[in-house]
N, C-alpha and C. Protein backbone atom coordinates (compact mmCIF):
# COMPACT_ATOMS: atom_id res chain seq x y z
N MET A 1 30.17 -4.71 -12.79
CA MET A 1 30.48 -3.29 -12.61
C MET A 1 29.35 -2.65 -11.79
N ALA A 2 29.72 -1.80 -10.86
CA ALA A 2 28.75 -1.16 -9.97
C ALA A 2 27.96 -0.09 -10.73
N GLU A 3 26.70 0.03 -10.35
CA GLU A 3 25.86 1.05 -10.95
C GLU A 3 26.25 2.43 -10.42
N THR A 4 26.14 3.42 -11.29
CA THR A 4 26.36 4.78 -10.85
C THR A 4 25.13 5.25 -10.08
N LYS A 5 25.28 6.35 -9.36
CA LYS A 5 24.13 6.89 -8.62
C LYS A 5 22.98 7.24 -9.56
N THR A 6 23.30 7.74 -10.74
CA THR A 6 22.26 8.08 -11.71
C THR A 6 21.52 6.82 -12.16
N GLN A 7 22.27 5.73 -12.41
CA GLN A 7 21.64 4.48 -12.80
C GLN A 7 20.78 3.93 -11.67
N GLN A 8 21.27 4.04 -10.43
CA GLN A 8 20.50 3.57 -9.28
C GLN A 8 19.19 4.34 -9.15
N LYS A 9 19.26 5.67 -9.32
CA LYS A 9 18.05 6.48 -9.23
C LYS A 9 17.07 6.10 -10.32
N GLY A 10 17.58 5.88 -11.55
CA GLY A 10 16.71 5.47 -12.65
C GLY A 10 16.06 4.13 -12.37
N SER A 11 16.83 3.19 -11.83
CA SER A 11 16.29 1.88 -11.48
C SER A 11 15.24 2.00 -10.38
N LEU A 12 15.50 2.85 -9.41
CA LEU A 12 14.54 3.04 -8.32
C LEU A 12 13.26 3.70 -8.83
N LEU A 13 13.39 4.63 -9.76
CA LEU A 13 12.20 5.25 -10.36
C LEU A 13 11.38 4.20 -11.11
N LYS A 14 12.04 3.30 -11.83
CA LYS A 14 11.34 2.23 -12.54
C LYS A 14 10.63 1.31 -11.54
N ALA A 15 11.32 0.97 -10.46
CA ALA A 15 10.70 0.13 -9.42
C ALA A 15 9.51 0.84 -8.81
N GLY A 16 9.64 2.15 -8.59
CA GLY A 16 8.52 2.92 -8.04
C GLY A 16 7.34 2.96 -8.98
N ALA A 17 7.60 3.15 -10.26
CA ALA A 17 6.52 3.16 -11.24
C ALA A 17 5.83 1.80 -11.30
N LEU A 18 6.63 0.74 -11.26
CA LEU A 18 6.07 -0.61 -11.26
C LEU A 18 5.20 -0.82 -10.02
N ALA A 19 5.70 -0.40 -8.85
CA ALA A 19 4.94 -0.54 -7.60
C ALA A 19 3.62 0.21 -7.67
N VAL A 20 3.65 1.42 -8.20
CA VAL A 20 2.42 2.22 -8.30
C VAL A 20 1.40 1.52 -9.20
N VAL A 21 1.82 1.13 -10.38
CA VAL A 21 0.90 0.53 -11.34
C VAL A 21 0.32 -0.78 -10.82
N VAL A 22 1.17 -1.65 -10.32
CA VAL A 22 0.69 -2.96 -9.86
C VAL A 22 -0.20 -2.79 -8.63
N SER A 23 0.17 -1.89 -7.73
CA SER A 23 -0.63 -1.67 -6.53
C SER A 23 -2.02 -1.13 -6.88
N VAL A 24 -2.07 -0.16 -7.77
CA VAL A 24 -3.36 0.42 -8.18
C VAL A 24 -4.23 -0.63 -8.86
N VAL A 25 -3.66 -1.37 -9.78
CA VAL A 25 -4.44 -2.38 -10.52
C VAL A 25 -4.92 -3.48 -9.57
N ALA A 26 -4.00 -4.00 -8.75
CA ALA A 26 -4.37 -5.09 -7.84
C ALA A 26 -5.45 -4.64 -6.85
N ASN A 27 -5.29 -3.45 -6.29
CA ASN A 27 -6.28 -2.97 -5.33
C ASN A 27 -7.61 -2.63 -5.99
N HIS A 28 -7.57 -2.18 -7.22
CA HIS A 28 -8.82 -1.93 -7.94
C HIS A 28 -9.59 -3.23 -8.13
N PHE A 29 -8.90 -4.29 -8.54
CA PHE A 29 -9.58 -5.58 -8.72
C PHE A 29 -10.05 -6.14 -7.39
N LEU A 30 -9.26 -5.94 -6.35
CA LEU A 30 -9.67 -6.40 -5.02
C LEU A 30 -10.93 -5.65 -4.57
N GLN A 31 -10.95 -4.35 -4.78
CA GLN A 31 -12.13 -3.55 -4.43
C GLN A 31 -13.36 -4.02 -5.22
N ALA A 32 -13.21 -4.19 -6.51
CA ALA A 32 -14.33 -4.61 -7.35
C ALA A 32 -14.85 -5.98 -6.92
N GLY A 33 -13.93 -6.89 -6.65
CA GLY A 33 -14.33 -8.22 -6.22
C GLY A 33 -15.04 -8.19 -4.88
N ALA A 34 -14.51 -7.41 -3.96
CA ALA A 34 -15.13 -7.32 -2.64
C ALA A 34 -16.53 -6.73 -2.72
N LEU A 35 -16.69 -5.68 -3.51
CA LEU A 35 -18.01 -5.08 -3.65
C LEU A 35 -19.00 -6.03 -4.32
N ALA A 36 -18.51 -6.86 -5.22
CA ALA A 36 -19.39 -7.78 -5.93
C ALA A 36 -19.73 -9.02 -5.10
N LEU A 37 -18.79 -9.47 -4.28
CA LEU A 37 -18.96 -10.75 -3.60
C LEU A 37 -19.35 -10.66 -2.13
N LEU A 38 -19.00 -9.57 -1.49
CA LEU A 38 -19.23 -9.47 -0.05
C LEU A 38 -20.43 -8.57 0.25
N THR A 39 -21.02 -8.80 1.38
CA THR A 39 -22.12 -7.96 1.80
C THR A 39 -21.55 -6.77 2.54
N MET A 40 -21.52 -5.65 1.86
CA MET A 40 -21.07 -4.41 2.49
C MET A 40 -21.73 -3.24 1.78
N PRO A 41 -21.97 -2.18 2.52
CA PRO A 41 -22.59 -1.01 1.89
C PRO A 41 -21.68 -0.46 0.80
N HIS A 42 -22.27 -0.12 -0.32
CA HIS A 42 -21.48 0.42 -1.43
C HIS A 42 -21.09 1.88 -1.18
N ASP A 43 -21.58 2.47 -0.10
CA ASP A 43 -21.23 3.86 0.18
C ASP A 43 -20.16 3.98 1.27
N PHE A 44 -19.51 2.91 1.65
CA PHE A 44 -18.42 2.96 2.62
C PHE A 44 -17.32 3.85 2.01
N PRO A 45 -17.08 5.04 2.58
CA PRO A 45 -16.22 6.03 1.91
C PRO A 45 -14.87 5.51 1.38
N PRO A 46 -14.12 4.73 2.15
CA PRO A 46 -12.82 4.31 1.61
C PRO A 46 -12.91 3.40 0.38
N LEU A 47 -14.07 2.77 0.17
CA LEU A 47 -14.22 1.88 -0.98
C LEU A 47 -15.21 2.41 -2.00
N HIS A 48 -15.66 3.64 -1.83
CA HIS A 48 -16.65 4.23 -2.73
C HIS A 48 -15.95 4.76 -3.98
N GLY A 49 -16.13 4.09 -5.07
CA GLY A 49 -15.53 4.51 -6.33
C GLY A 49 -14.04 4.25 -6.38
N PRO A 50 -13.46 4.46 -7.54
CA PRO A 50 -12.03 4.18 -7.70
C PRO A 50 -11.11 5.25 -7.10
N GLY A 51 -11.61 6.45 -6.91
CA GLY A 51 -10.76 7.57 -6.46
C GLY A 51 -9.95 7.29 -5.20
N PRO A 52 -10.61 6.94 -4.09
CA PRO A 52 -9.84 6.70 -2.86
C PRO A 52 -8.85 5.54 -2.99
N VAL A 53 -9.24 4.51 -3.71
CA VAL A 53 -8.35 3.36 -3.87
C VAL A 53 -7.12 3.75 -4.67
N VAL A 54 -7.32 4.45 -5.76
CA VAL A 54 -6.18 4.89 -6.58
C VAL A 54 -5.31 5.85 -5.78
N PHE A 55 -5.91 6.83 -5.15
CA PHE A 55 -5.15 7.84 -4.41
C PHE A 55 -4.28 7.20 -3.33
N PHE A 56 -4.88 6.37 -2.49
CA PHE A 56 -4.12 5.79 -1.38
C PHE A 56 -3.13 4.73 -1.84
N SER A 57 -3.43 4.03 -2.93
CA SER A 57 -2.46 3.07 -3.48
C SER A 57 -1.23 3.80 -4.01
N VAL A 58 -1.45 4.90 -4.70
CA VAL A 58 -0.33 5.69 -5.24
C VAL A 58 0.49 6.29 -4.09
N ILE A 59 -0.19 6.89 -3.13
CA ILE A 59 0.52 7.51 -1.99
C ILE A 59 1.34 6.45 -1.25
N GLY A 60 0.75 5.31 -0.99
CA GLY A 60 1.47 4.25 -0.27
C GLY A 60 2.69 3.75 -1.03
N ALA A 61 2.53 3.54 -2.32
CA ALA A 61 3.66 3.05 -3.13
C ALA A 61 4.77 4.09 -3.20
N LEU A 62 4.41 5.34 -3.44
CA LEU A 62 5.43 6.38 -3.51
C LEU A 62 6.14 6.59 -2.17
N ALA A 63 5.37 6.52 -1.09
CA ALA A 63 5.98 6.66 0.24
C ALA A 63 6.96 5.51 0.50
N GLY A 64 6.56 4.31 0.12
CA GLY A 64 7.45 3.16 0.31
C GLY A 64 8.75 3.30 -0.46
N VAL A 65 8.66 3.73 -1.70
CA VAL A 65 9.86 3.92 -2.51
C VAL A 65 10.70 5.06 -1.94
N GLY A 66 10.05 6.10 -1.46
CA GLY A 66 10.78 7.20 -0.83
C GLY A 66 11.53 6.74 0.41
N VAL A 67 10.89 5.91 1.21
CA VAL A 67 11.55 5.36 2.40
C VAL A 67 12.75 4.52 1.99
N LEU A 68 12.58 3.70 0.97
CA LEU A 68 13.71 2.89 0.49
C LEU A 68 14.86 3.79 0.04
N ALA A 69 14.55 4.85 -0.68
CA ALA A 69 15.60 5.77 -1.13
C ALA A 69 16.35 6.34 0.07
N GLY A 70 15.61 6.70 1.11
CA GLY A 70 16.27 7.22 2.32
C GLY A 70 17.13 6.17 2.99
N ILE A 71 16.61 4.95 3.07
CA ILE A 71 17.38 3.86 3.68
C ILE A 71 18.63 3.57 2.86
N ALA A 72 18.49 3.58 1.53
CA ALA A 72 19.63 3.29 0.65
C ALA A 72 20.74 4.32 0.81
N GLY A 73 20.37 5.52 1.22
CA GLY A 73 21.38 6.56 1.42
C GLY A 73 22.22 6.35 2.67
N VAL A 74 21.75 5.52 3.60
CA VAL A 74 22.48 5.35 4.86
C VAL A 74 22.83 3.90 5.18
N SER A 75 22.36 2.96 4.39
CA SER A 75 22.59 1.54 4.69
C SER A 75 23.29 0.85 3.53
N SER A 76 24.19 -0.04 3.88
CA SER A 76 24.84 -0.85 2.84
C SER A 76 23.96 -2.03 2.45
N ARG A 77 22.92 -2.30 3.23
CA ARG A 77 21.97 -3.40 2.96
C ARG A 77 20.55 -2.85 2.99
N PRO A 78 20.20 -2.02 2.02
CA PRO A 78 18.90 -1.34 2.10
C PRO A 78 17.68 -2.25 1.99
N ILE A 79 17.74 -3.31 1.21
CA ILE A 79 16.56 -4.15 1.01
C ILE A 79 16.17 -4.89 2.29
N PRO A 80 17.10 -5.56 2.99
CA PRO A 80 16.70 -6.22 4.24
C PRO A 80 16.17 -5.23 5.29
N VAL A 81 16.77 -4.06 5.37
CA VAL A 81 16.29 -3.05 6.31
C VAL A 81 14.91 -2.58 5.89
N PHE A 82 14.71 -2.37 4.59
CA PHE A 82 13.42 -1.93 4.09
C PHE A 82 12.33 -2.95 4.38
N ARG A 83 12.64 -4.22 4.24
CA ARG A 83 11.63 -5.26 4.53
C ARG A 83 11.12 -5.13 5.97
N VAL A 84 12.03 -4.91 6.90
CA VAL A 84 11.65 -4.78 8.31
C VAL A 84 10.79 -3.52 8.49
N VAL A 85 11.26 -2.41 7.94
CA VAL A 85 10.51 -1.15 8.05
C VAL A 85 9.13 -1.30 7.42
N ALA A 86 9.05 -1.92 6.25
CA ALA A 86 7.76 -2.10 5.57
C ALA A 86 6.82 -2.96 6.41
N GLY A 87 7.35 -3.99 7.04
CA GLY A 87 6.52 -4.84 7.90
C GLY A 87 5.96 -4.09 9.09
N VAL A 88 6.80 -3.27 9.71
CA VAL A 88 6.35 -2.48 10.86
C VAL A 88 5.30 -1.46 10.41
N VAL A 89 5.56 -0.79 9.30
CA VAL A 89 4.61 0.20 8.80
C VAL A 89 3.29 -0.47 8.42
N LEU A 90 3.34 -1.65 7.85
CA LEU A 90 2.11 -2.37 7.52
C LEU A 90 1.29 -2.62 8.77
N VAL A 91 1.91 -3.12 9.81
CA VAL A 91 1.18 -3.40 11.06
C VAL A 91 0.57 -2.12 11.61
N VAL A 92 1.34 -1.04 11.63
CA VAL A 92 0.84 0.24 12.15
C VAL A 92 -0.30 0.76 11.27
N SER A 93 -0.22 0.53 9.96
CA SER A 93 -1.26 1.03 9.05
C SER A 93 -2.60 0.34 9.25
N LEU A 94 -2.59 -0.80 9.91
CA LEU A 94 -3.84 -1.53 10.15
C LEU A 94 -4.62 -0.97 11.34
N ILE A 95 -3.96 -0.21 12.19
CA ILE A 95 -4.62 0.34 13.38
C ILE A 95 -5.81 1.23 13.02
N PRO A 96 -5.65 2.19 12.09
CA PRO A 96 -6.82 3.00 11.73
C PRO A 96 -7.96 2.17 11.13
N ASP A 97 -7.61 1.12 10.41
CA ASP A 97 -8.67 0.25 9.86
C ASP A 97 -9.45 -0.41 10.98
N LEU A 98 -8.74 -0.90 11.97
CA LEU A 98 -9.42 -1.53 13.11
C LEU A 98 -10.27 -0.51 13.87
N TRP A 99 -9.81 0.73 13.92
CA TRP A 99 -10.58 1.80 14.58
C TRP A 99 -11.95 1.97 13.92
N LEU A 100 -12.02 1.70 12.62
CA LEU A 100 -13.30 1.84 11.92
C LEU A 100 -14.37 0.90 12.47
N LEU A 101 -13.95 -0.15 13.15
CA LEU A 101 -14.91 -1.09 13.73
C LEU A 101 -15.40 -0.65 15.11
N THR A 102 -14.82 0.42 15.64
CA THR A 102 -15.26 0.91 16.94
C THR A 102 -16.48 1.83 16.76
N GLU A 103 -17.11 2.16 17.87
CA GLU A 103 -18.26 3.06 17.82
C GLU A 103 -17.87 4.42 17.25
N SER A 104 -16.74 4.94 17.67
CA SER A 104 -16.26 6.23 17.18
C SER A 104 -15.96 6.17 15.67
N GLY A 105 -15.31 5.11 15.26
CA GLY A 105 -14.99 4.96 13.84
C GLY A 105 -16.23 4.83 12.99
N ALA A 106 -17.19 4.06 13.48
CA ALA A 106 -18.44 3.87 12.75
C ALA A 106 -19.22 5.17 12.61
N ALA A 107 -19.11 6.04 13.62
CA ALA A 107 -19.80 7.34 13.56
C ALA A 107 -19.19 8.23 12.49
N ASN A 108 -17.88 8.11 12.25
CA ASN A 108 -17.19 8.94 11.27
C ASN A 108 -17.18 8.35 9.86
N PHE A 109 -17.25 7.04 9.79
CA PHE A 109 -17.24 6.35 8.50
C PHE A 109 -18.36 5.32 8.46
N PRO A 110 -19.57 5.75 8.13
CA PRO A 110 -20.69 4.81 8.10
C PRO A 110 -20.43 3.69 7.09
N GLY A 111 -20.95 2.56 7.42
CA GLY A 111 -20.80 1.42 6.52
C GLY A 111 -19.55 0.61 6.76
N GLY A 112 -18.82 0.92 7.81
CA GLY A 112 -17.59 0.21 8.10
C GLY A 112 -17.84 -1.15 8.70
N THR A 113 -18.28 -2.07 7.89
CA THR A 113 -18.57 -3.42 8.34
C THR A 113 -17.26 -4.23 8.42
N PRO A 114 -17.29 -5.35 9.10
CA PRO A 114 -16.09 -6.21 9.11
C PRO A 114 -15.62 -6.57 7.69
N ALA A 115 -16.55 -6.78 6.77
CA ALA A 115 -16.16 -7.10 5.39
C ALA A 115 -15.43 -5.92 4.74
N GLY A 116 -15.93 -4.71 4.95
CA GLY A 116 -15.28 -3.53 4.39
C GLY A 116 -13.92 -3.28 5.00
N VAL A 117 -13.86 -3.38 6.31
CA VAL A 117 -12.58 -3.16 7.01
C VAL A 117 -11.59 -4.26 6.64
N GLY A 118 -12.06 -5.48 6.55
CA GLY A 118 -11.19 -6.57 6.13
C GLY A 118 -10.64 -6.35 4.72
N THR A 119 -11.49 -5.82 3.85
CA THR A 119 -11.04 -5.50 2.49
C THR A 119 -9.96 -4.43 2.53
N LEU A 120 -10.17 -3.40 3.33
CA LEU A 120 -9.14 -2.36 3.45
C LEU A 120 -7.83 -2.94 3.97
N MET A 121 -7.91 -3.79 4.96
CA MET A 121 -6.70 -4.39 5.52
C MET A 121 -5.98 -5.25 4.48
N LEU A 122 -6.75 -5.98 3.69
CA LEU A 122 -6.15 -6.78 2.63
C LEU A 122 -5.50 -5.88 1.58
N MET A 123 -6.13 -4.74 1.31
CA MET A 123 -5.54 -3.79 0.35
C MET A 123 -4.21 -3.24 0.87
N HIS A 124 -4.11 -3.00 2.17
CA HIS A 124 -2.84 -2.56 2.75
C HIS A 124 -1.78 -3.63 2.54
N LEU A 125 -2.15 -4.87 2.77
CA LEU A 125 -1.21 -5.98 2.59
C LEU A 125 -0.77 -6.08 1.13
N VAL A 126 -1.72 -5.95 0.21
CA VAL A 126 -1.40 -6.00 -1.21
C VAL A 126 -0.44 -4.88 -1.59
N SER A 127 -0.71 -3.67 -1.11
CA SER A 127 0.17 -2.54 -1.43
C SER A 127 1.57 -2.76 -0.87
N ALA A 128 1.65 -3.19 0.38
CA ALA A 128 2.97 -3.42 0.99
C ALA A 128 3.73 -4.51 0.23
N ALA A 129 3.06 -5.60 -0.06
CA ALA A 129 3.72 -6.70 -0.78
C ALA A 129 4.17 -6.26 -2.17
N THR A 130 3.35 -5.46 -2.82
CA THR A 130 3.69 -4.96 -4.15
C THR A 130 4.93 -4.08 -4.12
N VAL A 131 4.99 -3.19 -3.15
CA VAL A 131 6.15 -2.30 -3.05
C VAL A 131 7.41 -3.11 -2.75
N VAL A 132 7.33 -4.02 -1.80
CA VAL A 132 8.51 -4.84 -1.47
C VAL A 132 8.93 -5.65 -2.69
N TRP A 133 7.97 -6.25 -3.37
CA TRP A 133 8.28 -7.03 -4.58
C TRP A 133 8.96 -6.17 -5.63
N ALA A 134 8.42 -5.00 -5.88
CA ALA A 134 8.97 -4.12 -6.94
C ALA A 134 10.36 -3.62 -6.59
N VAL A 135 10.58 -3.22 -5.35
CA VAL A 135 11.89 -2.65 -5.02
C VAL A 135 12.96 -3.73 -4.88
N GLU A 136 12.55 -4.96 -4.62
CA GLU A 136 13.55 -6.02 -4.59
C GLU A 136 14.17 -6.23 -5.97
N ARG A 137 13.47 -5.85 -7.00
CA ARG A 137 14.03 -5.92 -8.36
C ARG A 137 14.98 -4.76 -8.62
N TRP A 138 14.95 -3.76 -7.78
CA TRP A 138 15.81 -2.59 -7.93
C TRP A 138 17.26 -2.93 -7.70
N HIS A 139 17.54 -3.75 -6.73
CA HIS A 139 18.93 -4.07 -6.39
C HIS A 139 19.37 -5.34 -7.03
């Protein structure tokens, strides 16, 4: 039997909550591990404390679920379309991280070492994979 729109919204909310929680936890552990194991300044703003990691993990997960909701409203195959969109957005999201390795980026974000930027890029990948994983359980 097909799900009603209310059931679909409830399922999508559950997938979104799962994506948020797993993304925040995974990125927090990734941040802690990177700071403990890699040589990078502990004052690199994007990795300084849990605040930025939690904030951007939550924003990314919620945005991904919102995009899926929009796609589901116009596509009969929302998950395959979402996978493509998520992949493109992931690649685009890495551009600002790479900018941090430039002279201009380094002037605005001190401490942006290759280890720090690599950690940020890995966090983007973790967030994207988490959202795709969570929403695939939605359908």
